[in-house]
Amino acid sequence: MAKWIQKAKEKMVKKGTVGVFSAAAKKAKMGTKTYAKKVLASKKSSPLQKKRANFAINAGKRGR
């Protein structure tokens, strides 16, 4: 795992936000990557949700 992902995950654990974006994707009955693309394309999405979507996409690319 890349070092920046480890640091980001530590921050998310500290804040208690691990899995929040995945839960939103599951609620929308979509995969995380598909939901992230939808969020980034939408003008109605909040800046925080777009930030989480961008992280999900970038972390997914690095996780392979």
C-alpha atoms as a PDB file:
ATOM      1  CA  MET A   1       0.000   0.000   0.000  1.00  0.00           C
ATOM      2  CA  ALA A   2       1.274   3.452  -0.875  1.00  0.00           C
ATOM      3  CA  LYS A   3       2.482   5.590   1.989  1.00  0.00           C
ATOM      4  CA  TRP A   4       0.018   8.423   1.286  1.00  0.00           C
ATOM      5  CA  ILE A   5      -2.906   6.000   1.460  1.00  0.00           C
ATOM      6  CA  GLN A   6      -1.720   4.718   4.849  1.00  0.00           C
ATOM      7  CA  LYS A   7      -1.533   8.266   6.205  1.00  0.00           C
ATOM      8  CA  ALA A   8      -4.957   9.104   4.820  1.00  0.00           C
ATOM      9  CA  LYS A   9      -6.454   5.958   6.328  1.00  0.00           C
ATOM     10  CA  GLU A  10      -4.959   6.808   9.725  1.00  0.00           C
ATOM     11  CA  LYS A  11      -6.656  10.211   9.560  1.00  0.00           C
ATOM     12  CA  MET A  12      -9.956   8.617   8.564  1.00  0.00           C
ATOM     13  CA  VAL A  13      -9.752   6.158  11.453  1.00  0.00           C
ATOM     14  CA  LYS A  14      -9.053   9.033  13.834  1.00  0.00           C
ATOM     15  CA  LYS A  15     -12.071  10.996  12.525  1.00  0.00           C
ATOM     16  CA  GLY A  16     -14.286   7.920  12.349  1.00  0.00           C
ATOM     17  CA  THR A  17     -15.072   8.334   8.649  1.00  0.00           C
ATOM     18  CA  VAL A  18     -13.781   4.990   7.386  1.00  0.00           C
ATOM     19  CA  GLY A  19     -16.411   3.425   5.145  1.00  0.00           C
ATOM     20  CA  VAL A  20     -18.704   6.443   4.904  1.00  0.00           C
ATOM     21  CA  PHE A  21     -18.350   6.787   1.132  1.00  0.00           C
ATOM     22  CA  SER A  22     -18.672   3.045   0.576  1.00  0.00           C
ATOM     23  CA  ALA A  23     -21.850   3.042   2.658  1.00  0.00           C
ATOM     24  CA  ALA A  24     -23.276   5.851   0.515  1.00  0.00           C
ATOM     25  CA  ALA A  25     -22.436   3.869  -2.630  1.00  0.00           C
ATOM     26  CA  LYS A  26     -24.073   0.768  -1.188  1.00  0.00           C
ATOM     27  CA  LYS A  27     -27.191   2.776  -0.281  1.00  0.00           C
ATOM     28  CA  ALA A  28     -27.343   3.980  -3.897  1.00  0.00           C
ATOM     29  CA  LYS A  29     -27.032   0.315  -4.988  1.00  0.00           C
ATOM     30  CA  MET A  30     -23.806   0.993  -6.892  1.00  0.00           C
ATOM     31  CA  GLY A  31     -20.194  -0.028  -6.683  1.00  0.00           C
ATOM     32  CA  THR A  32     -17.780   2.438  -5.124  1.00  0.00           C
ATOM     33  CA  LYS A  33     -16.046   3.330  -8.396  1.00  0.00           C
ATOM     34  CA  THR A  34     -19.315   3.756 -10.316  1.00  0.00           C
ATOM     35  CA  TYR A  35     -20.781   5.889  -7.545  1.00  0.00           C
ATOM     36  CA  ALA A  36     -17.623   7.998  -7.372  1.00  0.00           C
ATOM     37  CA  LYS A  37     -17.844   8.762 -11.089  1.00  0.00           C
ATOM     38  CA  LYS A  38     -21.512   9.712 -10.700  1.00  0.00           C
ATOM     39  CA  VAL A  39     -20.730  12.022  -7.768  1.00  0.00           C
ATOM     40  CA  LEU A  40     -17.927  13.774  -9.656  1.00  0.00           C
ATOM     41  CA  ALA A  41     -20.170  14.310 -12.695  1.00  0.00           C
ATOM     42  CA  SER A  42     -23.066  15.713 -10.664  1.00  0.00           C
ATOM     43  CA  LYS A  43     -23.396  19.437 -10.050  1.00  0.00           C
ATOM     44  CA  LYS A  44     -25.598  18.771  -7.011  1.00  0.00           C
ATOM     45  CA  SER A  45     -22.965  16.821  -5.065  1.00  0.00           C
ATOM     46  CA  SER A  46     -21.402  18.566  -2.086  1.00  0.00           C
ATOM     47  CA  PRO A  47     -17.717  19.514  -2.132  1.00  0.00           C
ATOM     48  CA  LEU A  48     -17.057  16.990   0.665  1.00  0.00           C
ATOM     49  CA  GLN A  49     -18.724  14.189  -1.280  1.00  0.00           C
ATOM     50  CA  LYS A  50     -16.682  15.109  -4.374  1.00  0.00           C
ATOM     51  CA  LYS A  51     -13.499  15.054  -2.298  1.00  0.00           C
ATOM     52  CA  ARG A  52     -14.372  11.587  -1.006  1.00  0.00           C
ATOM     53  CA  ALA A  53     -15.196  10.400  -4.535  1.00  0.00           C
ATOM     54  CA  ASN A  54     -11.870  11.644  -5.845  1.00  0.00           C
ATOM     55  CA  PHE A  55     -10.045   9.870  -3.016  1.00  0.00           C
ATOM     56  CA  ALA A  56     -11.947   6.633  -3.709  1.00  0.00           C
ATOM     57  CA  ILE A  57     -10.924   6.698  -7.364  1.00  0.00           C
ATOM     58  CA  ASN A  58      -7.288   7.514  -6.614  1.00  0.00           C
ATOM     59  CA  ALA A  59      -7.007   4.961  -3.826  1.00  0.00           C
ATOM     60  CA  GLY A  60      -8.569   2.333  -6.063  1.00  0.00           C
ATOM     61  CA  LYS A  61      -5.927   2.895  -8.730  1.00  0.00           C
ATOM     62  CA  ARG A  62      -3.120   2.547  -6.195  1.00  0.00           C
ATOM     63  CA  GLY A  63      -4.597  -0.498  -4.488  1.00  0.00           C
ATOM     64  CA  ARG A  64      -3.958  -2.802  -7.458  1.00  0.00           C
END
